[in-house]
Amino acid sequence: MSKKKHPEHVNHERWLVSYADFITLLFAFFVVLFASSQSDKKKQLKLSAAIQSAFTPLGTFDAHSKTPPLTDTNAAAITNSIPAAIVLPLPSTSTETLEQTEARLRKLLAEQVAAGRIPPGGVTMRITPDGLVISLHEAGFFPSGSAEVRAASIPMLSILATTLPAGPLRVEGHTDNVPIHTEQFASNWELSTARSTAIARLLLERGPINPANLSAAGYAEFHPVASNNTEDGRTQNRRVDVILLRHSANSQ
């Protein structure tokens, strides 16, 4: 007679193995997250010291000790100590004359030319009865027949916007006497006005300029600074003038 087979016992606790594996993996995941969130404080301090030493000559940051203390710092205190933006300091211009402003800006422009951001002769300056005229020539700031500012010249415009002394400004667009008629610009009036507006908008966006002190206009070819009979003269006439006025435009 055959031996009676007993039914196989079913292990109802097998799920515990999978559950334990899942918990182990979840624990490892959170350990990795925690470890990655803990930055190396020594590397942070070295970076802070490097940034401070680089920008101290520009006066961008307040003076601190050369070697930051290797101590724990409250995260909120660290956040509050980071400057909102790195910009050039505004000089005290309450007693600055137009001649002093011109000399200061010439030095900054020379640095931009040396850095290759604008071509030599791309910016010229002169003092007129109206005030200090800063001429931005087409070759350095606009493609031919366009009112779109070249990306390479935007850092130069940012510096200009942050270093111009407070006061009334007028932005004037000028062209040569060669007629233009494109889908975008019906005449030199439209082109000169669009270019002056583009420069004015960038100055407002990049610096603490009071919009009430700023005006923009286009004069087409009717205010030349050189003869339009030569290529060199036409090149000089294609420009946008940023004029630091002696008096408010409303008082003239």
C-alpha atoms as a PDB file:
ATOM      1  CA  MET A   1       0.000   0.000   0.000  1.00  0.00           C
ATOM      2  CA  SER A   2       1.405   3.404  -1.034  1.00  0.00           C
ATOM      3  CA  LYS A   3       2.417   5.916   1.611  1.00  0.00           C
ATOM      4  CA  LYS A   4      -0.020   8.809   2.003  1.00  0.00           C
ATOM      5  CA  LYS A   5       1.432  12.153   0.796  1.00  0.00           C
ATOM      6  CA  HIS A   6       1.020  15.152   3.029  1.00  0.00           C
ATOM      7  CA  PRO A   7       0.211  18.516   1.321  1.00  0.00           C
ATOM      8  CA  GLU A   8       3.230  20.889   1.032  1.00  0.00           C
ATOM      9  CA  HIS A   9       3.263  23.637   3.651  1.00  0.00           C
ATOM     10  CA  VAL A  10       2.936  27.127   2.069  1.00  0.00           C
ATOM     11  CA  ASN A  11       5.148  29.847   3.624  1.00  0.00           C
ATOM     12  CA  HIS A  12       2.892  32.896   3.946  1.00  0.00           C
ATOM     13  CA  GLU A  13       5.736  35.119   5.230  1.00  0.00           C
ATOM     14  CA  ARG A  14       7.741  35.152   1.984  1.00  0.00           C
ATOM     15  CA  TRP A  15       6.765  38.789   1.378  1.00  0.00           C
ATOM     16  CA  LEU A  16       8.935  39.820   4.309  1.00  0.00           C
ATOM     17  CA  VAL A  17      12.065  39.139   2.238  1.00  0.00           C
ATOM     18  CA  SER A  18      10.991  41.498  -0.553  1.00  0.00           C
ATOM     19  CA  TYR A  19       9.845  44.086   1.975  1.00  0.00           C
ATOM     20  CA  ALA A  20      13.194  43.973   3.787  1.00  0.00           C
ATOM     21  CA  ASP A  21      15.060  44.423   0.482  1.00  0.00           C
ATOM     22  CA  PHE A  22      12.854  47.404  -0.404  1.00  0.00           C
ATOM     23  CA  ILE A  23      13.443  49.071   2.970  1.00  0.00           C
ATOM     24  CA  THR A  24      17.201  48.515   2.643  1.00  0.00           C
ATOM     25  CA  LEU A  25      17.279  50.118  -0.810  1.00  0.00           C
ATOM     26  CA  LEU A  26      15.149  53.029   0.378  1.00  0.00           C
ATOM     27  CA  PHE A  27      17.489  53.601   3.317  1.00  0.00           C
ATOM     28  CA  ALA A  28      20.517  53.571   0.978  1.00  0.00           C
ATOM     29  CA  PHE A  29      18.784  56.084  -1.325  1.00  0.00           C
ATOM     30  CA  PHE A  30      18.195  58.560   1.506  1.00  0.00           C
ATOM     31  CA  VAL A  31      21.750  58.107   2.758  1.00  0.00           C
ATOM     32  CA  VAL A  32      23.039  59.078  -0.701  1.00  0.00           C
ATOM     33  CA  LEU A  33      20.732  62.119  -0.788  1.00  0.00           C
ATOM     34  CA  PHE A  34      21.902  63.230   2.644  1.00  0.00           C
ATOM     35  CA  ALA A  35      25.566  62.767   1.755  1.00  0.00           C
ATOM     36  CA  SER A  36      25.229  64.744  -1.486  1.00  0.00           C
ATOM     37  CA  SER A  37      23.545  67.624   0.352  1.00  0.00           C
ATOM     38  CA  GLN A  38      26.489  68.045   2.707  1.00  0.00           C
ATOM     39  CA  SER A  39      28.947  70.290   0.845  1.00  0.00           C
ATOM     40  CA  ASP A  40      32.617  70.408   1.673  1.00  0.00           C
ATOM     41  CA  LYS A  41      32.976  73.481   3.902  1.00  0.00           C
ATOM     42  CA  LYS A  42      36.731  73.700   3.337  1.00  0.00           C
ATOM     43  CA  LYS A  43      36.204  73.891  -0.428  1.00  0.00           C
ATOM     44  CA  GLN A  44      33.548  76.565   0.112  1.00  0.00           C
ATOM     45  CA  LEU A  45      35.934  78.642   2.188  1.00  0.00           C
ATOM     46  CA  LYS A  46      38.717  78.302  -0.389  1.00  0.00           C
ATOM     47  CA  LEU A  47      36.326  79.449  -3.118  1.00  0.00           C
ATOM     48  CA  SER A  48      35.191  82.374  -0.975  1.00  0.00           C
ATOM     49  CA  ALA A  49      38.790  83.447  -0.391  1.00  0.00           C
ATOM     50  CA  ALA A  50      39.572  83.217  -4.115  1.00  0.00           C
ATOM     51  CA  ILE A  51      36.547  85.317  -5.077  1.00  0.00           C
ATOM     52  CA  GLN A  52      37.351  87.901  -2.410  1.00  0.00           C
ATOM     53  CA  SER A  53      40.967  88.240  -3.538  1.00  0.00           C
ATOM     54  CA  ALA A  54      39.864  88.615  -7.176  1.00  0.00           C
ATOM     55  CA  PHE A  55      37.263  91.318  -6.611  1.00  0.00           C
ATOM     56  CA  THR A  56      38.799  93.289  -3.740  1.00  0.00           C
ATOM     57  CA  PRO A  57      40.838  95.514  -6.127  1.00  0.00           C
ATOM     58  CA  LEU A  58      37.569  96.519  -7.854  1.00  0.00           C
ATOM     59  CA  GLY A  59      35.952  97.435  -4.556  1.00  0.00           C
ATOM     60  CA  THR A  60      33.030  95.140  -5.289  1.00  0.00           C
ATOM     61  CA  PHE A  61      33.057  93.423  -1.872  1.00  0.00           C
ATOM     62  CA  ASP A  62      33.661  94.822   1.567  1.00  0.00           C
ATOM     63  CA  ALA A  63      37.072  94.060   3.052  1.00  0.00           C
ATOM     64  CA  HIS A  64      37.258  90.941   5.242  1.00  0.00           C
ATOM     65  CA  SER A  65      40.004  88.875   6.766  1.00  0.00           C
ATOM     66  CA  LYS A  66      42.219  87.149   4.200  1.00  0.00           C
ATOM     67  CA  THR A  67      41.502  83.684   5.642  1.00  0.00           C
ATOM     68  CA  PRO A  68      37.855  83.017   6.581  1.00  0.00           C
ATOM     69  CA  PRO A  69      37.467  81.148   9.902  1.00  0.00           C
ATOM     70  CA  LEU A  70      36.961  77.390   9.582  1.00  0.00           C
ATOM     71  CA  THR A  71      33.841  77.287  11.723  1.00  0.00           C
ATOM     72  CA  ASP A  72      30.285  76.268  11.101  1.00  0.00           C
ATOM     73  CA  THR A  73      28.129  79.111   9.875  1.00  0.00           C
ATOM     74  CA  ASN A  74      24.393  79.399   9.971  1.00  0.00           C
ATOM     75  CA  ALA A  75      22.974  78.754   6.490  1.00  0.00           C
ATOM     76  CA  ALA A  76      20.821  81.876   6.630  1.00  0.00           C
ATOM     77  CA  ALA A  77      23.827  84.008   7.516  1.00  0.00           C
ATOM     78  CA  ILE A  78      25.714  82.613   4.520  1.00  0.00           C
ATOM     79  CA  THR A  79      22.790  83.372   2.213  1.00  0.00           C
ATOM     80  CA  ASN A  80      22.462  86.931   3.501  1.00  0.00           C
ATOM     81  CA  SER A  81      26.165  87.585   3.006  1.00  0.00           C
ATOM     82  CA  ILE A  82      26.092  86.776  -0.742  1.00  0.00           C
ATOM     83  CA  PRO A  83      25.736  89.937  -2.859  1.00  0.00           C
ATOM     84  CA  ALA A  84      22.678  90.059  -5.103  1.00  0.00           C
ATOM     85  CA  ALA A  85      24.739  90.969  -8.181  1.00  0.00           C
ATOM     86  CA  ILE A  86      28.284  91.826  -9.131  1.00  0.00           C
ATOM     87  CA  VAL A  87      28.305  95.333 -10.586  1.00  0.00           C
ATOM     88  CA  LEU A  88      30.853  98.058 -10.771  1.00  0.00           C
ATOM     89  CA  PRO A  89      30.539 100.581  -7.913  1.00  0.00           C
ATOM     90  CA  LEU A  90      28.923 103.877  -8.723  1.00  0.00           C
ATOM     91  CA  PRO A  91      31.362 106.739  -8.224  1.00  0.00           C
ATOM     92  CA  SER A  92      30.510 109.800  -6.224  1.00  0.00           C
ATOM     93  CA  THR A  93      29.601 112.333  -8.890  1.00  0.00           C
ATOM     94  CA  SER A  94      28.078 115.137  -6.865  1.00  0.00           C
ATOM     95  CA  THR A  95      31.040 117.391  -7.684  1.00  0.00           C
ATOM     96  CA  GLU A  96      32.356 115.615 -10.795  1.00  0.00           C
ATOM     97  CA  THR A  97      32.760 117.855 -13.836  1.00  0.00           C
ATOM     98  CA  LEU A  98      32.057 116.764 -17.399  1.00  0.00           C
ATOM     99  CA  GLU A  99      35.804 116.701 -18.035  1.00  0.00           C
ATOM    100  CA  GLN A 100      36.354 114.375 -15.072  1.00  0.00           C
ATOM    101  CA  THR A 101      33.506 112.127 -16.211  1.00  0.00           C
ATOM    102  CA  GLU A 102      34.995 111.994 -19.714  1.00  0.00           C
ATOM    103  CA  ALA A 103      38.453 111.046 -18.372  1.00  0.00           C
ATOM    104  CA  ARG A 104      36.973 108.313 -16.151  1.00  0.00           C
ATOM    105  CA  LEU A 105      34.898 106.854 -18.996  1.00  0.00           C
ATOM    106  CA  ARG A 106      37.828 106.951 -21.427  1.00  0.00           C
ATOM    107  CA  LYS A 107      39.787 104.744 -19.040  1.00  0.00           C
ATOM    108  CA  LEU A 108      36.941 102.223 -18.830  1.00  0.00           C
ATOM    109  CA  LEU A 109      36.501 102.224 -22.605  1.00  0.00           C
ATOM    110  CA  ALA A 110      40.215 101.596 -23.130  1.00  0.00           C
ATOM    111  CA  GLU A 111      39.896  98.491 -20.949  1.00  0.00           C
ATOM    112  CA  GLN A 112      36.963  97.266 -23.068  1.00  0.00           C
ATOM    113  CA  VAL A 113      38.923  97.788 -26.285  1.00  0.00           C
ATOM    114  CA  ALA A 114      41.897  95.919 -24.796  1.00  0.00           C
ATOM    115  CA  ALA A 115      39.556  93.051 -23.835  1.00  0.00           C
ATOM    116  CA  GLY A 116      38.299  92.876 -27.440  1.00  0.00           C
ATOM    117  CA  ARG A 117      34.666  93.661 -26.569  1.00  0.00           C
ATOM    118  CA  ILE A 118      34.542  96.718 -28.849  1.00  0.00           C
ATOM    119  CA  PRO A 119      36.770  97.614 -31.811  1.00  0.00           C
ATOM    120  CA  PRO A 120      39.198 100.548 -31.637  1.00  0.00           C
ATOM    121  CA  GLY A 121      37.275 103.687 -32.500  1.00  0.00           C
ATOM    122  CA  GLY A 122      33.971 101.995 -31.739  1.00  0.00           C
ATOM    123  CA  VAL A 123      33.253 104.635 -29.088  1.00  0.00           C
ATOM    124  CA  THR A 124      34.291 108.293 -29.231  1.00  0.00           C
ATOM    125  CA  MET A 125      33.577 111.161 -26.848  1.00  0.00           C
ATOM    126  CA  ARG A 126      33.437 114.916 -27.051  1.00  0.00           C
ATOM    127  CA  ILE A 127      32.129 117.778 -24.932  1.00  0.00           C
ATOM    128  CA  THR A 128      29.603 120.090 -26.603  1.00  0.00           C
ATOM    129  CA  PRO A 129      27.409 122.962 -25.383  1.00  0.00           C
ATOM    130  CA  ASP A 130      24.690 120.348 -24.725  1.00  0.00           C
ATOM    131  CA  GLY A 131      26.938 118.175 -22.554  1.00  0.00           C
ATOM    132  CA  LEU A 132      29.184 115.097 -22.799  1.00  0.00           C
ATOM    133  CA  VAL A 133      28.469 113.185 -26.027  1.00  0.00           C
ATOM    134  CA  ILE A 134      29.358 109.463 -26.053  1.00  0.00           C
ATOM    135  CA  SER A 135      29.106 108.218 -29.655  1.00  0.00           C
ATOM    136  CA  LEU A 136      28.499 104.494 -30.144  1.00  0.00           C
ATOM    137  CA  HIS A 137      29.461 103.804 -33.750  1.00  0.00           C
ATOM    138  CA  GLU A 138      27.612 101.275 -35.877  1.00  0.00           C
ATOM    139  CA  ALA A 139      30.617  99.012 -36.455  1.00  0.00           C
ATOM    140  CA  GLY A 140      30.890  98.204 -32.750  1.00  0.00           C
ATOM    141  CA  PHE A 141      27.226  97.969 -31.813  1.00  0.00           C
ATOM    142  CA  PHE A 142      24.943  97.144 -34.781  1.00  0.00           C
ATOM    143  CA  PRO A 143      25.056  95.012 -37.915  1.00  0.00           C
ATOM    144  CA  SER A 144      24.605  97.060 -41.079  1.00  0.00           C
ATOM    145  CA  GLY A 145      20.985  98.095 -41.606  1.00  0.00           C
ATOM    146  CA  SER A 146      19.880  96.513 -38.306  1.00  0.00           C
ATOM    147  CA  ALA A 147      18.693  97.851 -34.946  1.00  0.00           C
ATOM    148  CA  GLU A 148      19.603  94.678 -33.032  1.00  0.00           C
ATOM    149  CA  VAL A 149      22.457  95.367 -30.609  1.00  0.00           C
ATOM    150  CA  ARG A 150      25.470  93.069 -31.019  1.00  0.00           C
ATOM    151  CA  ALA A 151      25.740  90.594 -28.124  1.00  0.00           C
ATOM    152  CA  ALA A 152      29.482  91.260 -27.778  1.00  0.00           C
ATOM    153  CA  SER A 153      28.858  94.943 -26.991  1.00  0.00           C
ATOM    154  CA  ILE A 154      26.308  94.362 -24.215  1.00  0.00           C
ATOM    155  CA  PRO A 155      28.968  94.083 -21.429  1.00  0.00           C
ATOM    156  CA  MET A 156      30.287  97.484 -22.517  1.00  0.00           C
ATOM    157  CA  LEU A 157      26.765  98.968 -22.367  1.00  0.00           C
ATOM    158  CA  SER A 158      26.264  97.435 -18.914  1.00  0.00           C
ATOM    159  CA  ILE A 159      29.411  99.160 -17.654  1.00  0.00           C
ATOM    160  CA  LEU A 160      28.273 102.432 -19.212  1.00  0.00           C
ATOM    161  CA  ALA A 161      24.836 102.121 -17.598  1.00  0.00           C
ATOM    162  CA  THR A 162      26.288 101.523 -14.115  1.00  0.00           C
ATOM    163  CA  THR A 163      28.950 104.238 -14.271  1.00  0.00           C
ATOM    164  CA  LEU A 164      27.092 107.151 -15.842  1.00  0.00           C
ATOM    165  CA  PRO A 165      26.487 109.852 -13.230  1.00  0.00           C
ATOM    166  CA  ALA A 166      22.917 110.604 -12.255  1.00  0.00           C
ATOM    167  CA  GLY A 167      21.356 113.267 -14.425  1.00  0.00           C
ATOM    168  CA  PRO A 168      19.362 113.854 -17.602  1.00  0.00           C
ATOM    169  CA  LEU A 169      20.314 111.692 -20.594  1.00  0.00           C
ATOM    170  CA  ARG A 170      19.326 111.916 -24.234  1.00  0.00           C
ATOM    171  CA  VAL A 171      19.906 109.053 -26.677  1.00  0.00           C
ATOM    172  CA  GLU A 172      20.054 110.069 -30.348  1.00  0.00           C
ATOM    173  CA  GLY A 173      20.133 107.782 -33.375  1.00  0.00           C
ATOM    174  CA  HIS A 174      21.926 108.968 -36.536  1.00  0.00           C
ATOM    175  CA  THR A 175      22.567 107.483 -39.991  1.00  0.00           C
ATOM    176  CA  ASP A 176      24.442 108.435 -43.149  1.00  0.00           C
ATOM    177  CA  ASN A 177      22.647 109.781 -46.222  1.00  0.00           C
ATOM    178  CA  VAL A 178      22.407 106.429 -48.031  1.00  0.00           C
ATOM    179  CA  PRO A 179      18.662 105.665 -48.281  1.00  0.00           C
ATOM    180  CA  ILE A 180      17.348 102.486 -46.734  1.00  0.00           C
ATOM    181  CA  HIS A 181      14.088 100.780 -47.670  1.00  0.00           C
ATOM    182  CA  THR A 182      13.579  97.323 -46.225  1.00  0.00           C
ATOM    183  CA  GLU A 183      10.658  95.325 -44.924  1.00  0.00           C
ATOM    184  CA  GLN A 184      11.508  96.513 -41.401  1.00  0.00           C
ATOM    185  CA  PHE A 185      12.667 100.090 -42.040  1.00  0.00           C
ATOM    186  CA  ALA A 186      10.966 102.285 -44.622  1.00  0.00           C
ATOM    187  CA  SER A 187      13.594 105.044 -44.257  1.00  0.00           C
ATOM    188  CA  ASN A 188      16.543 106.213 -42.197  1.00  0.00           C
ATOM    189  CA  TRP A 189      14.096 107.842 -39.783  1.00  0.00           C
ATOM    190  CA  GLU A 190      12.794 104.462 -38.662  1.00  0.00           C
ATOM    191  CA  LEU A 191      16.292 102.935 -38.462  1.00  0.00           C
ATOM    192  CA  SER A 192      17.766 105.780 -36.390  1.00  0.00           C
ATOM    193  CA  THR A 193      14.775 105.820 -34.031  1.00  0.00           C
ATOM    194  CA  ALA A 194      14.855 102.037 -33.550  1.00  0.00           C
ATOM    195  CA  ARG A 195      18.582 102.091 -32.741  1.00  0.00           C
ATOM    196  CA  SER A 196      18.267 104.900 -30.196  1.00  0.00           C
ATOM    197  CA  THR A 197      15.354 103.107 -28.540  1.00  0.00           C
ATOM    198  CA  ALA A 198      17.318  99.833 -28.361  1.00  0.00           C
ATOM    199  CA  ILE A 199      20.253 101.544 -26.622  1.00  0.00           C
ATOM    200  CA  ALA A 200      17.949 103.444 -24.259  1.00  0.00           C
ATOM    201  CA  ARG A 201      16.167 100.227 -23.269  1.00  0.00           C
ATOM    202  CA  LEU A 202      19.464  98.464 -22.529  1.00  0.00           C
ATOM    203  CA  LEU A 203      20.712 101.368 -20.406  1.00  0.00           C
ATOM    204  CA  LEU A 204      17.499 101.245 -18.366  1.00  0.00           C
ATOM    205  CA  GLU A 205      17.724  97.466 -17.935  1.00  0.00           C
ATOM    206  CA  ARG A 206      21.408  97.407 -16.979  1.00  0.00           C
ATOM    207  CA  GLY A 207      21.776 100.419 -14.680  1.00  0.00           C
ATOM    208  CA  PRO A 208      20.048 102.521 -12.013  1.00  0.00           C
ATOM    209  CA  ILE A 209      18.953 105.182 -14.503  1.00  0.00           C
ATOM    210  CA  ASN A 210      15.776 107.086 -13.703  1.00  0.00           C
ATOM    211  CA  PRO A 211      13.412 106.632 -16.682  1.00  0.00           C
ATOM    212  CA  ALA A 212      12.103 110.173 -16.117  1.00  0.00           C
ATOM    213  CA  ASN A 213      15.613 111.479 -16.915  1.00  0.00           C
ATOM    214  CA  LEU A 214      15.941 109.566 -20.194  1.00  0.00           C
ATOM    215  CA  SER A 215      14.722 110.443 -23.688  1.00  0.00           C
ATOM    216  CA  ALA A 216      15.336 108.865 -27.097  1.00  0.00           C
ATOM    217  CA  ALA A 217      15.049 110.264 -30.617  1.00  0.00           C
ATOM    218  CA  GLY A 218      16.017 109.513 -34.204  1.00  0.00           C
ATOM    219  CA  TYR A 219      17.482 112.154 -36.535  1.00  0.00           C
ATOM    220  CA  ALA A 220      18.176 110.038 -39.650  1.00  0.00           C
ATOM    221  CA  GLU A 221      20.954 111.644 -41.755  1.00  0.00           C
ATOM    222  CA  PHE A 222      20.220 115.263 -40.827  1.00  0.00           C
ATOM    223  CA  HIS A 223      22.726 115.740 -37.966  1.00  0.00           C
ATOM    224  CA  PRO A 224      26.027 114.560 -39.494  1.00  0.00           C
ATOM    225  CA  VAL A 225      29.387 114.987 -37.751  1.00  0.00           C
ATOM    226  CA  ALA A 226      31.369 114.417 -40.953  1.00  0.00           C
ATOM    227  CA  SER A 227      30.917 114.661 -44.709  1.00  0.00           C
ATOM    228  CA  ASN A 228      28.748 112.033 -46.329  1.00  0.00           C
ATOM    229  CA  ASN A 229      30.814 112.335 -49.523  1.00  0.00           C
ATOM    230  CA  THR A 230      33.401 109.819 -48.256  1.00  0.00           C
ATOM    231  CA  GLU A 231      33.137 106.319 -46.821  1.00  0.00           C
ATOM    232  CA  ASP A 232      35.031 107.385 -43.697  1.00  0.00           C
ATOM    233  CA  GLY A 233      32.636 110.273 -43.159  1.00  0.00           C
ATOM    234  CA  ARG A 234      29.583 108.055 -43.617  1.00  0.00           C
ATOM    235  CA  THR A 235      31.071 105.597 -41.109  1.00  0.00           C
ATOM    236  CA  GLN A 236      31.370 108.377 -38.514  1.00  0.00           C
ATOM    237  CA  ASN A 237      27.782 109.489 -39.136  1.00  0.00           C
ATOM    238  CA  ARG A 238      26.304 106.025 -38.495  1.00  0.00           C
ATOM    239  CA  ARG A 239      26.144 106.245 -34.705  1.00  0.00           C
ATOM    240  CA  VAL A 240      24.024 106.443 -31.555  1.00  0.00           C
ATOM    241  CA  ASP A 241      24.901 109.355 -29.272  1.00  0.00           C
ATOM    242  CA  VAL A 242      24.363 109.042 -25.508  1.00  0.00           C
ATOM    243  CA  ILE A 243      24.428 112.613 -24.232  1.00  0.00           C
ATOM    244  CA  LEU A 244      24.937 113.450 -20.565  1.00  0.00           C
ATOM    245  CA  LEU A 245      23.087 116.766 -20.605  1.00  0.00           C
ATOM    246  CA  ARG A 246      24.229 119.829 -18.686  1.00  0.00           C
ATOM    247  CA  HIS A 247      20.596 120.708 -17.940  1.00  0.00           C
ATOM    248  CA  SER A 248      17.280 118.924 -17.937  1.00  0.00           C
ATOM    249  CA  ALA A 249      15.736 118.617 -21.385  1.00  0.00           C
ATOM    250  CA  ASN A 250      12.524 120.109 -19.975  1.00  0.00           C
ATOM    251  CA  SER A 251      14.337 123.283 -18.971  1.00  0.00           C
ATOM    252  CA  GLN A 252      15.791 123.949 -22.415  1.00  0.00           C
END
